[in-house]
C-alpha atoms as a PDB file:
ATOM      1  CA  MET A   1       0.000   0.000   0.000  1.00  0.00           C
ATOM      2  CA  LYS A   2       1.366   3.418  -0.951  1.00  0.00           C
ATOM      3  CA  ASP A   3       0.490   6.610   0.869  1.00  0.00           C
ATOM      4  CA  ALA A   4      -1.075   9.370  -1.172  1.00  0.00           C
ATOM      5  CA  PRO A   5       1.196  12.443  -1.470  1.00  0.00           C
ATOM      6  CA  PHE A   6       0.456  15.829   0.074  1.00  0.00           C
ATOM      7  CA  PRO A   7      -1.515  17.893  -0.717  1.00  0.00           C
ATOM      8  CA  ALA A   8      -3.566  14.973  -2.063  1.00  0.00           C
ATOM      9  CA  ALA A   9      -5.619  17.360  -4.177  1.00  0.00           C
ATOM     10  CA  PRO A  10      -8.083  16.873  -5.517  1.00  0.00           C
ATOM     11  CA  LEU A  11      -9.128  14.618  -2.674  1.00  0.00           C
ATOM     12  CA  ALA A  12     -10.555  11.272  -3.720  1.00  0.00           C
ATOM     13  CA  LEU A  13     -13.298  11.460  -1.076  1.00  0.00           C
ATOM     14  CA  THR A  14     -15.974  13.940  -2.158  1.00  0.00           C
ATOM     15  CA  PRO A  15     -19.360  15.240  -0.984  1.00  0.00           C
ATOM     16  CA  ASP A  16     -20.941  12.777  -3.450  1.00  0.00           C
ATOM     17  CA  HIS A  17     -19.391   9.922  -1.451  1.00  0.00           C
ATOM     18  CA  VAL A  18     -20.800  11.479   1.725  1.00  0.00           C
ATOM     19  CA  THR A  19     -24.272  11.504   0.167  1.00  0.00           C
ATOM     20  CA  ARG A  20     -23.979   7.836  -0.839  1.00  0.00           C
ATOM     21  CA  ALA A  21     -22.791   6.786   2.606  1.00  0.00           C
ATOM     22  CA  HIS A  22     -25.523   8.602   4.529  1.00  0.00           C
ATOM     23  CA  ARG A  23     -28.518   6.863   5.998  1.00  0.00           C
ATOM     24  CA  ASP A  24     -30.977   7.956   8.658  1.00  0.00           C
ATOM     25  CA  VAL A  25     -30.319   6.447  12.078  1.00  0.00           C
ATOM     26  CA  ALA A  26     -32.508   7.141  15.102  1.00  0.00           C
ATOM     27  CA  GLU A  27     -30.866   8.736  18.116  1.00  0.00           C
ATOM     28  CA  PRO A  28     -30.352   6.034  20.764  1.00  0.00           C
ATOM     29  CA  PRO A  29     -31.860   6.382  24.229  1.00  0.00           C
ATOM     30  CA  TYR A  30     -29.788   8.255  26.783  1.00  0.00           C
ATOM     31  CA  ASP A  31     -27.188   6.046  28.457  1.00  0.00           C
ATOM     32  CA  THR A  32     -27.970   6.290  32.170  1.00  0.00           C
ATOM     33  CA  ARG A  33     -24.452   5.129  33.031  1.00  0.00           C
ATOM     34  CA  TRP A  34     -23.230   8.608  32.102  1.00  0.00           C
ATOM     35  CA  THR A  35     -23.616  11.639  34.374  1.00  0.00           C
ATOM     36  CA  LEU A  36     -24.004  14.696  32.186  1.00  0.00           C
ATOM     37  CA  LEU A  37     -22.037  17.837  32.998  1.00  0.00           C
ATOM     38  CA  THR A  38     -24.144  20.799  34.136  1.00  0.00           C
ATOM     39  CA  ASP A  39     -23.250  24.417  33.405  1.00  0.00           C
ATOM     40  CA  ASP A  40     -21.813  24.701  36.924  1.00  0.00           C
ATOM     41  CA  ASP A  41     -19.748  21.554  36.338  1.00  0.00           C
ATOM     42  CA  LEU A  42     -18.468  22.968  33.043  1.00  0.00           C
ATOM     43  CA  ASP A  43     -17.508  26.281  34.636  1.00  0.00           C
ATOM     44  CA  ALA A  44     -15.645  24.518  37.452  1.00  0.00           C
ATOM     45  CA  LEU A  45     -13.859  22.248  34.990  1.00  0.00           C
ATOM     46  CA  ALA A  46     -12.895  25.213  32.807  1.00  0.00           C
ATOM     47  CA  GLU A  47     -11.449  26.972  35.833  1.00  0.00           C
ATOM     48  CA  GLU A  48      -9.497  23.871  36.828  1.00  0.00           C
ATOM     49  CA  LEU A  49      -8.119  23.308  33.324  1.00  0.00           C
ATOM     50  CA  THR A  50      -7.111  26.921  32.635  1.00  0.00           C
ATOM     51  CA  ALA A  51      -5.834  28.088  36.037  1.00  0.00           C
ATOM     52  CA  GLY A  52      -2.274  29.316  35.615  1.00  0.00           C
ATOM     53  CA  ARG A  53      -2.358  28.560  31.890  1.00  0.00           C
ATOM     54  CA  PRO A  54      -1.911  30.914  28.906  1.00  0.00           C
ATOM     55  CA  HIS A  55      -4.620  33.360  27.918  1.00  0.00           C
ATOM     56  CA  PRO A  56      -6.253  33.663  25.469  1.00  0.00           C
ATOM     57  CA  VAL A  57      -6.858  29.942  26.012  1.00  0.00           C
ATOM     58  CA  PRO A  58      -5.192  27.997  23.156  1.00  0.00           C
ATOM     59  CA  ILE A  59      -7.020  24.923  21.854  1.00  0.00           C
ATOM     60  CA  PHE A  60      -5.119  22.426  19.689  1.00  0.00           C
ATOM     61  CA  ALA A  61      -7.509  21.350  16.924  1.00  0.00           C
ATOM     62  CA  TYR A  62      -6.659  18.276  14.861  1.00  0.00           C
ATOM     63  CA  GLY A  63     -10.060  17.012  13.673  1.00  0.00           C
ATOM     64  CA  SER A  64     -13.601  18.361  13.711  1.00  0.00           C
ATOM     65  CA  LEU A  65     -12.713  21.441  15.768  1.00  0.00           C
ATOM     66  CA  ILE A  66     -10.899  22.707  12.657  1.00  0.00           C
ATOM     67  CA  TRP A  67     -14.042  22.681  10.521  1.00  0.00           C
ATOM     68  CA  LYS A  68     -16.677  23.113  13.228  1.00  0.00           C
ATOM     69  CA  PRO A  69     -15.255  24.789  16.322  1.00  0.00           C
ATOM     70  CA  ASP A  70     -18.620  25.687  17.919  1.00  0.00           C
ATOM     71  CA  PHE A  71     -16.929  28.421  19.980  1.00  0.00           C
ATOM     72  CA  GLU A  72     -15.816  31.999  19.399  1.00  0.00           C
ATOM     73  CA  VAL A  73     -12.367  31.777  17.834  1.00  0.00           C
ATOM     74  CA  GLY A  74      -9.815  34.576  18.092  1.00  0.00           C
ATOM     75  CA  GLY A  75      -6.328  34.002  16.724  1.00  0.00           C
ATOM     76  CA  ILE A  76      -5.471  30.940  14.629  1.00  0.00           C
ATOM     77  CA  ARG A  77      -2.014  29.593  13.869  1.00  0.00           C
ATOM     78  CA  ARG A  78      -0.599  26.351  12.566  1.00  0.00           C
ATOM     79  CA  GLY A  79       1.373  24.066  14.821  1.00  0.00           C
ATOM     80  CA  VAL A  80       2.834  20.600  15.151  1.00  0.00           C
ATOM     81  CA  ALA A  81       2.312  18.437  18.236  1.00  0.00           C
ATOM     82  CA  PRO A  82       5.455  16.298  18.614  1.00  0.00           C
ATOM     83  CA  GLY A  83       4.944  12.851  20.075  1.00  0.00           C
ATOM     84  CA  TRP A  84       1.338  12.492  18.885  1.00  0.00           C
ATOM     85  CA  HIS A  85      -0.402  11.257  15.741  1.00  0.00           C
ATOM     86  CA  ARG A  86      -3.988  11.078  14.465  1.00  0.00           C
ATOM     87  CA  SER A  87      -5.681   7.715  14.853  1.00  0.00           C
ATOM     88  CA  PHE A  88      -9.236   6.513  14.291  1.00  0.00           C
ATOM     89  CA  CYS A  89      -9.026   4.253  17.325  1.00  0.00           C
ATOM     90  CA  ILE A  90     -12.113   4.789  19.507  1.00  0.00           C
ATOM     91  CA  GLU A  91     -15.001   2.459  18.735  1.00  0.00           C
ATOM     92  CA  LEU A  92     -18.348   4.213  18.356  1.00  0.00           C
ATOM     93  CA  ASN A  93     -21.705   2.514  18.872  1.00  0.00           C
ATOM     94  CA  HIS A  94     -23.515   5.858  18.766  1.00  0.00           C
ATOM     95  CA  TRP A  95     -23.094   9.401  17.392  1.00  0.00           C
ATOM     96  CA  ARG A  96     -21.401   8.405  14.072  1.00  0.00           C
ATOM     97  CA  GLY A  97     -21.908   4.671  14.501  1.00  0.00           C
ATOM     98  CA  SER A  98     -24.458   2.167  15.744  1.00  0.00           C
ATOM     99  CA  PRO A  99     -24.417  -1.176  17.585  1.00  0.00           C
ATOM    100  CA  ASP A 100     -25.009  -3.096  14.341  1.00  0.00           C
ATOM    101  CA  CYS A 101     -22.379  -1.122  12.395  1.00  0.00           C
ATOM    102  CA  PRO A 102     -19.842   0.465  14.763  1.00  0.00           C
ATOM    103  CA  GLY A 103     -17.838   3.434  13.649  1.00  0.00           C
ATOM    104  CA  LEU A 104     -14.556   4.965  14.749  1.00  0.00           C
ATOM    105  CA  MET A 105     -13.721   8.259  16.438  1.00  0.00           C
ATOM    106  CA  LEU A 106     -10.550  10.228  15.825  1.00  0.00           C
ATOM    107  CA  ALA A 107      -8.097  10.686  18.692  1.00  0.00           C
ATOM    108  CA  LEU A 108      -4.437  11.423  19.291  1.00  0.00           C
ATOM    109  CA  GLU A 109      -2.179   8.518  20.157  1.00  0.00           C
ATOM    110  CA  PRO A 110       1.466   8.568  21.271  1.00  0.00           C
ATOM    111  CA  GLY A 111       4.201   8.574  18.652  1.00  0.00           C
ATOM    112  CA  GLY A 112       5.085  10.528  15.541  1.00  0.00           C
ATOM    113  CA  SER A 113       3.860  14.080  15.083  1.00  0.00           C
ATOM    114  CA  CYS A 114       0.556  15.769  14.274  1.00  0.00           C
ATOM    115  CA  SER A 115       0.043  19.002  12.362  1.00  0.00           C
ATOM    116  CA  GLY A 116      -2.982  21.023  13.394  1.00  0.00           C
ATOM    117  CA  LEU A 117      -4.228  24.456  14.385  1.00  0.00           C
ATOM    118  CA  ILE A 118      -4.018  26.364  17.619  1.00  0.00           C
ATOM    119  CA  MET A 119      -7.357  28.149  17.863  1.00  0.00           C
ATOM    120  CA  GLU A 120      -7.527  30.746  20.615  1.00  0.00           C
ATOM    121  CA  VAL A 121     -10.713  31.314  22.581  1.00  0.00           C
ATOM    122  CA  ALA A 122     -11.781  34.861  21.723  1.00  0.00           C
ATOM    123  CA  PRO A 123     -11.209  37.213  24.679  1.00  0.00           C
ATOM    124  CA  GLY A 124     -14.430  38.156  26.414  1.00  0.00           C
ATOM    125  CA  THR A 125     -16.159  34.895  25.449  1.00  0.00           C
ATOM    126  CA  GLU A 126     -14.309  32.595  27.869  1.00  0.00           C
ATOM    127  CA  ARG A 127     -17.290  31.382  29.875  1.00  0.00           C
ATOM    128  CA  ASP A 128     -19.591  30.618  26.959  1.00  0.00           C
ATOM    129  CA  SER A 129     -16.812  29.330  24.706  1.00  0.00           C
ATOM    130  CA  MET A 130     -15.327  27.007  27.319  1.00  0.00           C
ATOM    131  CA  ARG A 131     -18.793  25.708  28.170  1.00  0.00           C
ATOM    132  CA  ALA A 132     -19.384  24.972  24.485  1.00  0.00           C
ATOM    133  CA  ILE A 133     -16.019  23.249  23.994  1.00  0.00           C
ATOM    134  CA  LEU A 134     -16.202  21.121  27.133  1.00  0.00           C
ATOM    135  CA  ARG A 135     -19.870  20.180  26.688  1.00  0.00           C
ATOM    136  CA  ARG A 136     -19.179  19.062  23.133  1.00  0.00           C
ATOM    137  CA  GLU A 137     -15.900  17.254  23.729  1.00  0.00           C
ATOM    138  CA  LEU A 138     -16.441  15.699  27.161  1.00  0.00           C
ATOM    139  CA  VAL A 139     -20.236  15.485  27.637  1.00  0.00           C
ATOM    140  CA  ALA A 140     -20.150  13.597  30.949  1.00  0.00           C
ATOM    141  CA  HIS A 141     -18.225  13.367  34.219  1.00  0.00           C
ATOM    142  CA  GLU A 142     -16.911   9.983  33.142  1.00  0.00           C
ATOM    143  CA  LEU A 143     -15.009  11.577  30.235  1.00  0.00           C
ATOM    144  CA  VAL A 144     -13.380  14.623  31.859  1.00  0.00           C
ATOM    145  CA  LYS A 145      -9.947  12.987  32.011  1.00  0.00           C
ATOM    146  CA  ASN A 146      -9.844  13.125  28.213  1.00  0.00           C
ATOM    147  CA  ALA A 147      -8.890  16.818  28.375  1.00  0.00           C
ATOM    148  CA  ARG A 148      -5.167  17.536  28.630  1.00  0.00           C
ATOM    149  CA  TRP A 149      -2.466  20.068  27.814  1.00  0.00           C
ATOM    150  CA  ILE A 150       0.157  19.111  25.247  1.00  0.00           C
ATOM    151  CA  THR A 151       3.260  20.708  23.762  1.00  0.00           C
ATOM    152  CA  VAL A 152       2.887  22.282  20.321  1.00  0.00           C
ATOM    153  CA  GLU A 153       5.616  23.773  18.125  1.00  0.00           C
ATOM    154  CA  THR A 154       4.525  26.945  16.312  1.00  0.00           C
ATOM    155  CA  GLU A 155       6.095  29.964  14.651  1.00  0.00           C
ATOM    156  CA  ARG A 156       6.199  31.479  18.141  1.00  0.00           C
ATOM    157  CA  GLY A 157       8.266  28.598  19.495  1.00  0.00           C
ATOM    158  CA  THR A 158       7.176  25.900  21.937  1.00  0.00           C
ATOM    159  CA  GLU A 159       3.697  26.430  23.376  1.00  0.00           C
ATOM    160  CA  GLU A 160       1.227  24.535  25.517  1.00  0.00           C
ATOM    161  CA  ALA A 161      -2.320  24.009  24.248  1.00  0.00           C
ATOM    162  CA  LEU A 162      -5.440  22.277  25.511  1.00  0.00           C
ATOM    163  CA  THR A 163      -6.663  19.317  23.482  1.00  0.00           C
ATOM    164  CA  PHE A 164      -9.017  16.376  23.811  1.00  0.00           C
ATOM    165  CA  TYR A 165      -8.755  12.603  23.474  1.00  0.00           C
ATOM    166  CA  ALA A 166      -4.965  12.391  23.535  1.00  0.00           C
ATOM    167  CA  ASP A 167      -3.979   9.007  24.989  1.00  0.00           C
ATOM    168  CA  THR A 168      -7.654   8.345  25.669  1.00  0.00           C
ATOM    169  CA  VAL A 169      -9.064   7.349  29.038  1.00  0.00           C
ATOM    170  CA  ASP A 170     -11.999   5.011  29.770  1.00  0.00           C
ATOM    171  CA  HIS A 171     -12.783   4.224  26.156  1.00  0.00           C
ATOM    172  CA  SER A 172     -13.054   1.192  23.939  1.00  0.00           C
ATOM    173  CA  VAL A 173      -9.809   1.644  22.013  1.00  0.00           C
ATOM    174  CA  VAL A 174      -9.259  -0.572  18.980  1.00  0.00           C
ATOM    175  CA  HIS A 175      -6.209  -0.743  16.739  1.00  0.00           C
ATOM    176  CA  LEU A 176      -7.199  -1.867  13.253  1.00  0.00           C
ATOM    177  CA  PRO A 177      -5.277  -1.972   9.983  1.00  0.00           C
ATOM    178  CA  VAL A 178      -5.971   1.133   7.931  1.00  0.00           C
ATOM    179  CA  GLU A 179      -7.965  -0.949   5.417  1.00  0.00           C
ATOM    180  CA  GLU A 180     -10.350  -2.075   8.196  1.00  0.00           C
ATOM    181  CA  GLN A 181     -10.608   1.476   9.476  1.00  0.00           C
ATOM    182  CA  ALA A 182     -11.675   2.527   5.991  1.00  0.00           C
ATOM    183  CA  GLN A 183     -14.330  -0.197   5.896  1.00  0.00           C
ATOM    184  CA  ARG A 184     -15.807   0.990   9.179  1.00  0.00           C
ATOM    185  CA  LEU A 185     -15.754   4.665   8.261  1.00  0.00           C
ATOM    186  CA  ALA A 186     -17.342   3.975   4.865  1.00  0.00           C
ATOM    187  CA  HIS A 187     -20.282   2.070   6.345  1.00  0.00           C
ATOM    188  CA  ALA A 188     -20.879   3.493   9.819  1.00  0.00           C
ATOM    189  CA  CYS A 189     -23.650   6.009  10.456  1.00  0.00           C
ATOM    190  CA  GLY A 190     -25.328   7.322  13.557  1.00  0.00           C
ATOM    191  CA  HIS A 191     -27.813  10.018  14.427  1.00  0.00           C
ATOM    192  CA  ALA A 192     -25.036  12.662  14.090  1.00  0.00           C
ATOM    193  CA  GLY A 193     -23.995  11.564  10.611  1.00  0.00           C
ATOM    194  CA  SER A 194     -21.582   9.170   8.956  1.00  0.00           C
ATOM    195  CA  GLY A 195     -17.947   8.305   9.418  1.00  0.00           C
ATOM    196  CA  THR A 196     -17.468   9.173   5.751  1.00  0.00           C
ATOM    197  CA  GLU A 197     -18.722  12.712   6.337  1.00  0.00           C
ATOM    198  CA  TYR A 198     -16.411  13.186   9.302  1.00  0.00           C
ATOM    199  CA  LEU A 199     -13.383  11.978   7.364  1.00  0.00           C
ATOM    200  CA  GLN A 200     -14.219  13.956   4.214  1.00  0.00           C
ATOM    201  CA  ARG A 201     -14.670  17.200   6.126  1.00  0.00           C
ATOM    202  CA  THR A 202     -11.512  16.620   8.147  1.00  0.00           C
ATOM    203  CA  ALA A 203      -9.396  15.810   5.089  1.00  0.00           C
ATOM    204  CA  SER A 204     -10.744  18.858   3.261  1.00  0.00           C
ATOM    205  CA  ALA A 205     -10.012  21.118   6.235  1.00  0.00           C
ATOM    206  CA  LEU A 206      -6.458  19.812   6.566  1.00  0.00           C
ATOM    207  CA  ALA A 207      -5.784  20.369   2.869  1.00  0.00           C
ATOM    208  CA  GLU A 208      -7.322  23.861   3.008  1.00  0.00           C
ATOM    209  CA  HIS A 209      -5.005  24.868   5.860  1.00  0.00           C
ATOM    210  CA  GLY A 210      -1.924  23.219   4.376  1.00  0.00           C
ATOM    211  CA  LEU A 211      -1.719  20.596   7.131  1.00  0.00           C
ATOM    212  CA  ASP A 212      -0.031  17.398   5.985  1.00  0.00           C
ATOM    213  CA  ASP A 213      -1.052  13.928   7.177  1.00  0.00           C
ATOM    214  CA  PRO A 214      -0.265  10.952   4.905  1.00  0.00           C
ATOM    215  CA  TYR A 215      -2.434   8.724   7.139  1.00  0.00           C
ATOM    216  CA  ILE A 216      -5.514  10.850   6.423  1.00  0.00           C
ATOM    217  CA  TRP A 217      -4.726  11.049   2.694  1.00  0.00           C
ATOM    218  CA  THR A 218      -4.460   7.258   2.517  1.00  0.00           C
ATOM    219  CA  LEU A 219      -7.598   6.699   4.575  1.00  0.00           C
ATOM    220  CA  GLN A 220      -9.768   9.067   2.543  1.00  0.00           C
ATOM    221  CA  ARG A 221      -8.618   7.365  -0.673  1.00  0.00           C
ATOM    222  CA  LEU A 222      -9.483   3.910   0.690  1.00  0.00           C
ATOM    223  CA  VAL A 223     -12.922   5.058   1.857  1.00  0.00           C
ATOM    224  CA  ALA A 224     -13.635   6.564  -1.578  1.00  0.00           C
ATOM    225  CA  GLU A 225     -12.577   3.324  -3.264  1.00  0.00           C
ATOM    226  CA  GLU A 226     -14.808   1.285  -0.950  1.00  0.00           C
ATOM    227  CA  ILE A 227     -17.867   3.439  -1.631  1.00  0.00           C
ATOM    228  CA  ASP A 228     -17.169   3.423  -5.374  1.00  0.00           C
ATOM    229  CA  SER A 229     -17.264  -0.382  -5.256  1.00  0.00           C
ATOM    230  CA  TRP A 230     -20.812  -0.531  -3.881  1.00  0.00           C
ATOM    231  CA  PRO A 231     -23.460  -1.903  -6.247  1.00  0.00           C
ATOM    232  CA  GLN A 232     -25.965   0.503  -4.716  1.00  0.00           C
ATOM    233  CA  PRO A 233     -25.952   3.346  -2.175  1.00  0.00           C
ATOM    234  CA  GLY A 234     -25.620   2.137   1.380  1.00  0.00           C
ATOM    235  CA  ALA A 235     -24.744  -1.432   0.458  1.00  0.00           C
ATOM    236  CA  PRO A 236     -23.651  -3.249   3.604  1.00  0.00           C
ATOM    237  CA  ILE A 237     -20.224  -4.793   4.019  1.00  0.00           C
ATOM    238  CA  GLY A 238     -20.090  -8.095   2.174  1.00  0.00           C
ATOM    239  CA  ASP A 239     -22.997  -7.330  -0.170  1.00  0.00           C
ATOM    240  CA  VAL A 240     -22.149  -8.399  -3.712  1.00  0.00           C
END
């Protein structure tokens, strides 16, 4: 298998592939094993995470935060996180997957390096922006340990930035060959959308910002090839 070269443009995975891969999936019932974070919980967590840290608060974005931050963004700059790499390694039975067709969630795992963006929380919006980030990324008390500060190299030198799901805690982590990852992402859908959509939007955002990741270029190509092989939209794995 040969990695696709940067900038991998035009990308093989297109919005047409996203349309083919989409199917409607009902939102599952709330999992009562999780204790949702209240606004007060989010404010306390934000205070704990940012006390004594740089301001404006720098967030290291490597996936969906690049194309859908959901908070007020101030300054943006490119950076590289040494010692980390992107990996679709968290099994999803909800959100962008389902129990009958599990998907995969992107995280950072140790080793290599990861290019991304430092996105600063806009001054004056700290409370609302941090609530939005933490509610989206962590959701429940059981997931709060998945927030951490990491080292990022930027044009300013070595910085510290807050990120999420780096060396993940309390999750079903799976390590699959990239071909199997592509199979899952091509077929998995949940009430929030498909794995194909997530990958296509992430790959497009990386290319737009000049962020190189041969793993993502290879994965998006494999997902496009899988969808192109389907005899009909939404064909399940193994259908011939």
